[in-house]
Amino acid sequence: MRPDNRKTDYEKMLIIKEYCETDIDRRKIIEKYKLRGNSLIMNWIRTFVDPNAKRLIDMKGRKIELPAVSGANESLEHENRRLRRELELARLRIEGLEIMIDIAENELKIPIRKKPGAKQ
């Protein structure tokens, strides 16, 4: 089984940023990050930077200027807000279920919760 050396989108963007902002050769970047294939960085650039990046970066190593990696931070903040909303909804759901259990135990005399010290 081969080791899993897949990169996250954030890691890919950092590698692209390093490639475009420094004078390091593409082969050295591939060796440094143990990437597979010579065209991988170019594919990432087309995916993350510009679909027409073929014209902006050629095989001779002419570089483009990349925008800051703030897009990754924005997506992380968006994910954080989404997860906080989900957590709040889950807490409200739990509170509602606990109220239902209390009502069922008090009014309907149905033992639902496990009593402390009960034998298992």
N, C-alpha and C. Protein backbone atom coordinates (compact mmCIF):
# COMPACT_ATOMS: atom_id res chain seq x y z
N MET A 1 0.84 -1.18 0.00
CA MET A 1 0.00 0.00 0.00
C MET A 1 0.89 1.24 0.00
N ARG A 2 0.61 2.16 -0.85
CA ARG A 2 1.44 3.35 -0.93
C ARG A 2 0.98 4.36 0.13
N PRO A 3 1.89 5.20 0.60
CA PRO A 3 1.50 6.20 1.60
C PRO A 3 0.58 7.25 0.98
N ASP A 4 -0.31 7.78 1.79
CA ASP A 4 -1.25 8.80 1.30
C ASP A 4 -0.57 10.15 1.32
N ASN A 5 -0.19 10.65 0.15
CA ASN A 5 0.47 11.94 0.09
C ASN A 5 -0.39 12.94 -0.67
N ARG A 6 -1.68 12.87 -0.46
CA ARG A 6 -2.58 13.84 -1.08
C ARG A 6 -2.46 15.15 -0.33
N LYS A 7 -2.57 16.22 -1.05
CA LYS A 7 -2.46 17.55 -0.48
C LYS A 7 -3.84 18.19 -0.36
N THR A 8 -4.04 18.96 0.70
CA THR A 8 -5.28 19.71 0.82
C THR A 8 -5.22 20.90 -0.14
N ASP A 9 -6.36 21.52 -0.34
CA ASP A 9 -6.39 22.69 -1.23
C ASP A 9 -5.48 23.79 -0.70
N TYR A 10 -5.47 23.97 0.61
CA TYR A 10 -4.63 25.00 1.20
C TYR A 10 -3.15 24.71 0.94
N GLU A 11 -2.74 23.44 1.11
CA GLU A 11 -1.35 23.07 0.84
C GLU A 11 -1.00 23.26 -0.63
N LYS A 12 -1.93 22.93 -1.51
CA LYS A 12 -1.69 23.12 -2.94
C LYS A 12 -1.48 24.60 -3.25
N MET A 13 -2.30 25.46 -2.64
CA MET A 13 -2.18 26.89 -2.89
C MET A 13 -0.85 27.43 -2.36
N LEU A 14 -0.40 26.90 -1.22
CA LEU A 14 0.89 27.34 -0.69
C LEU A 14 2.04 26.91 -1.61
N ILE A 15 1.95 25.71 -2.17
CA ILE A 15 2.97 25.23 -3.10
C ILE A 15 2.97 26.10 -4.36
N ILE A 16 1.78 26.41 -4.87
CA ILE A 16 1.68 27.27 -6.05
C ILE A 16 2.27 28.64 -5.75
N LYS A 17 1.94 29.17 -4.58
CA LYS A 17 2.45 30.49 -4.18
C LYS A 17 3.97 30.47 -4.13
N GLU A 18 4.54 29.43 -3.54
CA GLU A 18 6.00 29.33 -3.47
C GLU A 18 6.60 29.23 -4.87
N TYR A 19 5.98 28.45 -5.74
CA TYR A 19 6.48 28.28 -7.09
C TYR A 19 6.46 29.60 -7.86
N CYS A 20 5.38 30.35 -7.70
CA CYS A 20 5.22 31.57 -8.50
C CYS A 20 5.99 32.75 -7.94
N GLU A 21 6.20 32.79 -6.64
CA GLU A 21 6.84 33.96 -6.05
C GLU A 21 8.35 33.81 -5.88
N THR A 22 8.87 32.63 -6.07
CA THR A 22 10.31 32.43 -5.94
C THR A 22 10.87 32.01 -7.28
N ASP A 23 12.18 31.93 -7.35
CA ASP A 23 12.83 31.50 -8.59
C ASP A 23 13.20 30.02 -8.55
N ILE A 24 12.52 29.26 -7.71
CA ILE A 24 12.81 27.83 -7.60
C ILE A 24 12.23 27.12 -8.82
N ASP A 25 13.03 26.25 -9.40
CA ASP A 25 12.63 25.49 -10.58
C ASP A 25 11.49 24.53 -10.21
N ARG A 26 10.63 24.25 -11.18
CA ARG A 26 9.50 23.36 -10.94
C ARG A 26 9.95 21.97 -10.51
N ARG A 27 11.04 21.48 -11.09
CA ARG A 27 11.54 20.15 -10.71
C ARG A 27 11.96 20.11 -9.24
N LYS A 28 12.55 21.20 -8.77
CA LYS A 28 12.98 21.24 -7.37
C LYS A 28 11.78 21.30 -6.43
N ILE A 29 10.72 22.00 -6.84
CA ILE A 29 9.49 22.03 -6.04
C ILE A 29 8.89 20.62 -5.98
N ILE A 30 8.90 19.93 -7.12
CA ILE A 30 8.36 18.57 -7.17
C ILE A 30 9.15 17.65 -6.24
N GLU A 31 10.47 17.78 -6.25
CA GLU A 31 11.30 16.97 -5.36
C GLU A 31 11.09 17.36 -3.90
N LYS A 32 11.01 18.65 -3.63
CA LYS A 32 10.88 19.14 -2.26
C LYS A 32 9.60 18.62 -1.60
N TYR A 33 8.49 18.65 -2.33
CA TYR A 33 7.21 18.24 -1.76
C TYR A 33 6.83 16.81 -2.14
N LYS A 34 7.74 16.11 -2.82
CA LYS A 34 7.53 14.71 -3.22
C LYS A 34 6.22 14.55 -3.99
N LEU A 35 6.08 15.37 -5.04
CA LEU A 35 4.89 15.33 -5.88
C LEU A 35 5.10 14.34 -7.01
N ARG A 36 4.01 13.84 -7.54
CA ARG A 36 4.09 12.90 -8.65
C ARG A 36 3.69 13.61 -9.93
N GLY A 37 4.51 13.47 -10.93
CA GLY A 37 4.18 14.02 -12.24
C GLY A 37 4.67 15.43 -12.43
N ASN A 38 5.09 15.71 -13.65
CA ASN A 38 5.63 17.03 -13.98
C ASN A 38 4.55 18.08 -14.19
N SER A 39 3.36 17.67 -14.56
CA SER A 39 2.33 18.65 -14.89
C SER A 39 1.39 18.94 -13.71
N LEU A 40 1.66 18.35 -12.57
CA LEU A 40 0.77 18.50 -11.42
C LEU A 40 0.64 19.96 -10.99
N ILE A 41 1.76 20.65 -10.88
CA ILE A 41 1.72 22.05 -10.46
C ILE A 41 0.96 22.90 -11.47
N MET A 42 1.17 22.64 -12.75
CA MET A 42 0.45 23.39 -13.78
C MET A 42 -1.06 23.14 -13.68
N ASN A 43 -1.45 21.90 -13.41
CA ASN A 43 -2.88 21.59 -13.26
C ASN A 43 -3.46 22.32 -12.05
N TRP A 44 -2.71 22.37 -10.95
CA TRP A 44 -3.18 23.09 -9.76
C TRP A 44 -3.33 24.58 -10.06
N ILE A 45 -2.40 25.12 -10.83
CA ILE A 45 -2.47 26.54 -11.17
C ILE A 45 -3.71 26.81 -11.99
N ARG A 46 -4.00 25.94 -12.96
CA ARG A 46 -5.21 26.11 -13.76
C ARG A 46 -6.46 26.00 -12.90
N THR A 47 -6.42 25.12 -11.89
CA THR A 47 -7.58 24.92 -11.03
C THR A 47 -7.78 26.07 -10.06
N PHE A 48 -6.71 26.51 -9.41
CA PHE A 48 -6.85 27.47 -8.31
C PHE A 48 -6.62 28.91 -8.71
N VAL A 49 -5.89 29.17 -9.77
CA VAL A 49 -5.55 30.54 -10.11
C VAL A 49 -6.41 31.06 -11.25
N ASP A 50 -6.28 30.44 -12.41
CA ASP A 50 -6.94 30.97 -13.58
C ASP A 50 -7.10 29.84 -14.59
N PRO A 51 -8.29 29.64 -15.13
CA PRO A 51 -8.45 28.59 -16.12
C PRO A 51 -7.60 28.81 -17.37
N ASN A 52 -7.21 30.05 -17.65
CA ASN A 52 -6.38 30.35 -18.81
C ASN A 52 -4.91 30.47 -18.44
N ALA A 53 -4.49 29.80 -17.38
CA ALA A 53 -3.13 29.96 -16.88
C ALA A 53 -2.09 29.40 -17.84
N LYS A 54 -2.47 28.64 -18.86
CA LYS A 54 -1.50 28.15 -19.84
C LYS A 54 -0.76 29.32 -20.47
N ARG A 55 -1.48 30.38 -20.70
CA ARG A 55 -0.87 31.53 -21.33
C ARG A 55 -0.05 32.36 -20.34
N LEU A 56 -0.33 32.23 -19.02
CA LEU A 56 0.35 33.04 -18.03
C LEU A 56 1.65 32.40 -17.53
N ILE A 57 1.72 31.08 -17.55
CA ILE A 57 2.93 30.38 -17.14
C ILE A 57 3.29 29.41 -18.25
N ASP A 58 4.48 29.55 -18.76
CA ASP A 58 4.88 28.62 -19.80
C ASP A 58 5.88 27.63 -19.23
N MET A 59 6.29 26.69 -20.03
CA MET A 59 7.18 25.64 -19.57
C MET A 59 8.60 26.15 -19.31
N LYS A 60 8.91 27.36 -19.75
CA LYS A 60 10.24 27.90 -19.50
C LYS A 60 10.35 28.50 -18.11
N GLY A 61 9.24 28.55 -17.39
CA GLY A 61 9.29 29.00 -16.00
C GLY A 61 8.95 30.45 -15.79
N ARG A 62 8.36 31.11 -16.78
CA ARG A 62 7.93 32.48 -16.55
C ARG A 62 6.79 32.45 -15.54
N LYS A 63 6.88 33.31 -14.53
CA LYS A 63 5.97 33.25 -13.39
C LYS A 63 4.85 34.29 -13.51
N ILE A 64 3.76 34.01 -12.80
CA ILE A 64 2.69 34.98 -12.67
C ILE A 64 2.65 35.43 -11.22
N GLU A 65 1.97 36.51 -10.96
CA GLU A 65 1.81 36.97 -9.59
C GLU A 65 0.48 36.47 -9.06
N LEU A 66 0.53 35.82 -7.91
CA LEU A 66 -0.67 35.24 -7.34
C LEU A 66 -1.31 36.17 -6.32
N PRO A 67 -2.61 36.11 -6.21
CA PRO A 67 -3.25 36.84 -5.13
C PRO A 67 -2.92 36.18 -3.80
N ALA A 68 -3.16 36.88 -2.71
CA ALA A 68 -2.88 36.32 -1.38
C ALA A 68 -3.74 35.09 -1.15
N VAL A 69 -3.33 34.26 -0.23
CA VAL A 69 -4.03 33.01 0.05
C VAL A 69 -5.19 33.26 1.00
N SER A 70 -5.80 34.42 0.93
CA SER A 70 -6.89 34.76 1.83
C SER A 70 -8.16 33.97 1.50
N GLY A 71 -8.28 33.45 0.29
CA GLY A 71 -9.44 32.65 -0.07
C GLY A 71 -9.59 31.44 0.81
N ALA A 72 -8.46 30.84 1.19
CA ALA A 72 -8.50 29.68 2.08
C ALA A 72 -9.00 30.10 3.46
N ASN A 73 -8.54 31.27 3.93
CA ASN A 73 -8.99 31.75 5.24
C ASN A 73 -10.47 32.04 5.23
N GLU A 74 -10.95 32.64 4.14
CA GLU A 74 -12.38 32.94 4.04
C GLU A 74 -13.21 31.66 4.04
N SER A 75 -12.74 30.64 3.33
CA SER A 75 -13.49 29.39 3.32
C SER A 75 -13.47 28.73 4.69
N LEU A 76 -12.36 28.86 5.41
CA LEU A 76 -12.30 28.31 6.77
C LEU A 76 -13.25 29.06 7.70
N GLU A 77 -13.32 30.38 7.56
CA GLU A 77 -14.25 31.16 8.39
C GLU A 77 -15.69 30.80 8.06
N HIS A 78 -15.99 30.61 6.79
CA HIS A 78 -17.33 30.20 6.39
C HIS A 78 -17.68 28.83 6.98
N GLU A 79 -16.74 27.91 6.90
CA GLU A 79 -16.93 26.57 7.47
C GLU A 79 -17.14 26.67 8.98
N ASN A 80 -16.37 27.53 9.64
CA ASN A 80 -16.50 27.70 11.08
C ASN A 80 -17.89 28.22 11.44
N ARG A 81 -18.38 29.23 10.70
CA ARG A 81 -19.72 29.76 10.96
C ARG A 81 -20.78 28.69 10.74
N ARG A 82 -20.63 27.88 9.68
CA ARG A 82 -21.60 26.82 9.41
C ARG A 82 -21.62 25.79 10.53
N LEU A 83 -20.44 25.41 10.99
CA LEU A 83 -20.36 24.42 12.06
C LEU A 83 -20.92 24.96 13.38
N ARG A 84 -20.71 26.24 13.64
CA ARG A 84 -21.29 26.85 14.85
C ARG A 84 -22.81 26.84 14.79
N ARG A 85 -23.39 27.12 13.61
CA ARG A 85 -24.85 27.07 13.46
C ARG A 85 -25.35 25.65 13.70
N GLU A 86 -24.65 24.67 13.12
CA GLU A 86 -25.05 23.27 13.32
C GLU A 86 -24.97 22.88 14.79
N LEU A 87 -23.93 23.33 15.47
CA LEU A 87 -23.78 23.03 16.89
C LEU A 87 -24.92 23.64 17.70
N GLU A 88 -25.29 24.87 17.40
CA GLU A 88 -26.40 25.53 18.11
C GLU A 88 -27.71 24.78 17.88
N LEU A 89 -27.95 24.35 16.64
CA LEU A 89 -29.16 23.58 16.35
C LEU A 89 -29.16 22.24 17.08
N ALA A 90 -28.01 21.60 17.16
CA ALA A 90 -27.91 20.33 17.87
C ALA A 90 -28.18 20.53 19.36
N ARG A 91 -27.66 21.63 19.92
CA ARG A 91 -27.92 21.91 21.34
C ARG A 91 -29.40 22.16 21.59
N LEU A 92 -30.05 22.91 20.70
CA LEU A 92 -31.48 23.15 20.85
C LEU A 92 -32.28 21.85 20.75
N ARG A 93 -31.86 20.99 19.84
CA ARG A 93 -32.54 19.70 19.69
C ARG A 93 -32.41 18.86 20.95
N ILE A 94 -31.21 18.82 21.52
CA ILE A 94 -30.98 18.06 22.74
C ILE A 94 -31.83 18.62 23.88
N GLU A 95 -31.88 19.94 23.98
CA GLU A 95 -32.69 20.56 25.03
C GLU A 95 -34.16 20.20 24.86
N GLY A 96 -34.65 20.21 23.62
CA GLY A 96 -36.03 19.83 23.37
C GLY A 96 -36.30 18.37 23.72
N LEU A 97 -35.36 17.50 23.38
CA LEU A 97 -35.53 16.08 23.72
C LEU A 97 -35.52 15.85 25.23
N GLU A 98 -34.68 16.59 25.94
CA GLU A 98 -34.65 16.45 27.40
C GLU A 98 -35.96 16.91 28.03
N ILE A 99 -36.54 17.98 27.47
CA ILE A 99 -37.84 18.45 27.98
C ILE A 99 -38.91 17.40 27.71
N MET A 100 -38.89 16.79 26.54
CA MET A 100 -39.86 15.73 26.22
C MET A 100 -39.71 14.55 27.18
N ILE A 101 -38.48 14.18 27.51
CA ILE A 101 -38.24 13.07 28.43
C ILE A 101 -38.76 13.42 29.82
N ASP A 102 -38.50 14.68 30.26
CA ASP A 102 -39.00 15.10 31.57
C ASP A 102 -40.52 15.03 31.63
N ILE A 103 -41.19 15.50 30.59
CA ILE A 103 -42.65 15.47 30.55
C ILE A 103 -43.15 14.04 30.57
N ALA A 104 -42.54 13.17 29.79
CA ALA A 104 -42.97 11.77 29.74
C ALA A 104 -42.76 11.09 31.09
N GLU A 105 -41.66 11.39 31.76
CA GLU A 105 -41.42 10.77 33.06
C GLU A 105 -42.37 11.30 34.13
N ASN A 106 -42.67 12.60 34.11
CA ASN A 106 -43.51 13.18 35.15
C ASN A 106 -45.00 12.92 34.92
N GLU A 107 -45.50 13.19 33.72
CA GLU A 107 -46.93 13.09 33.47
C GLU A 107 -47.38 11.68 33.14
N LEU A 108 -46.60 10.97 32.35
CA LEU A 108 -47.02 9.64 31.91
C LEU A 108 -46.43 8.53 32.77
N LYS A 109 -45.58 8.91 33.71
CA LYS A 109 -44.94 7.95 34.62
C LYS A 109 -44.21 6.83 33.87
N ILE A 110 -43.48 7.25 32.82
CA ILE A 110 -42.69 6.31 32.03
C ILE A 110 -41.22 6.50 32.42
N PRO A 111 -40.58 5.47 33.01
CA PRO A 111 -39.16 5.61 33.34
C PRO A 111 -38.29 5.49 32.08
N ILE A 112 -37.67 6.57 31.68
CA ILE A 112 -36.89 6.59 30.45
C ILE A 112 -35.40 6.63 30.75
N ARG A 113 -35.01 7.54 31.62
CA ARG A 113 -33.59 7.68 31.96
C ARG A 113 -33.15 6.57 32.88
N LYS A 114 -31.91 6.20 32.75
CA LYS A 114 -31.34 5.17 33.60
C LYS A 114 -31.09 5.78 34.98
N LYS A 115 -31.49 5.10 36.02
CA LYS A 115 -31.30 5.59 37.37
C LYS A 115 -29.86 5.38 37.79
N PRO A 116 -29.29 6.35 38.56
CA PRO A 116 -27.92 6.18 39.01
C PRO A 116 -27.77 4.98 39.94
N GLY A 117 -26.71 4.24 39.75
CA GLY A 117 -26.44 3.08 40.61
C GLY A 117 -27.20 1.84 40.20
N ALA A 118 -27.86 1.85 39.09
CA ALA A 118 -28.59 0.68 38.64
C ALA A 118 -27.63 -0.39 38.17
N LYS A 119 -28.01 -1.65 38.39
CA LYS A 119 -27.18 -2.77 37.96
C LYS A 119 -27.24 -2.89 36.44
N GLN A 120 -26.13 -3.29 35.88
CA GLN A 120 -26.09 -3.43 34.42
C GLN A 120 -26.20 -4.87 34.00
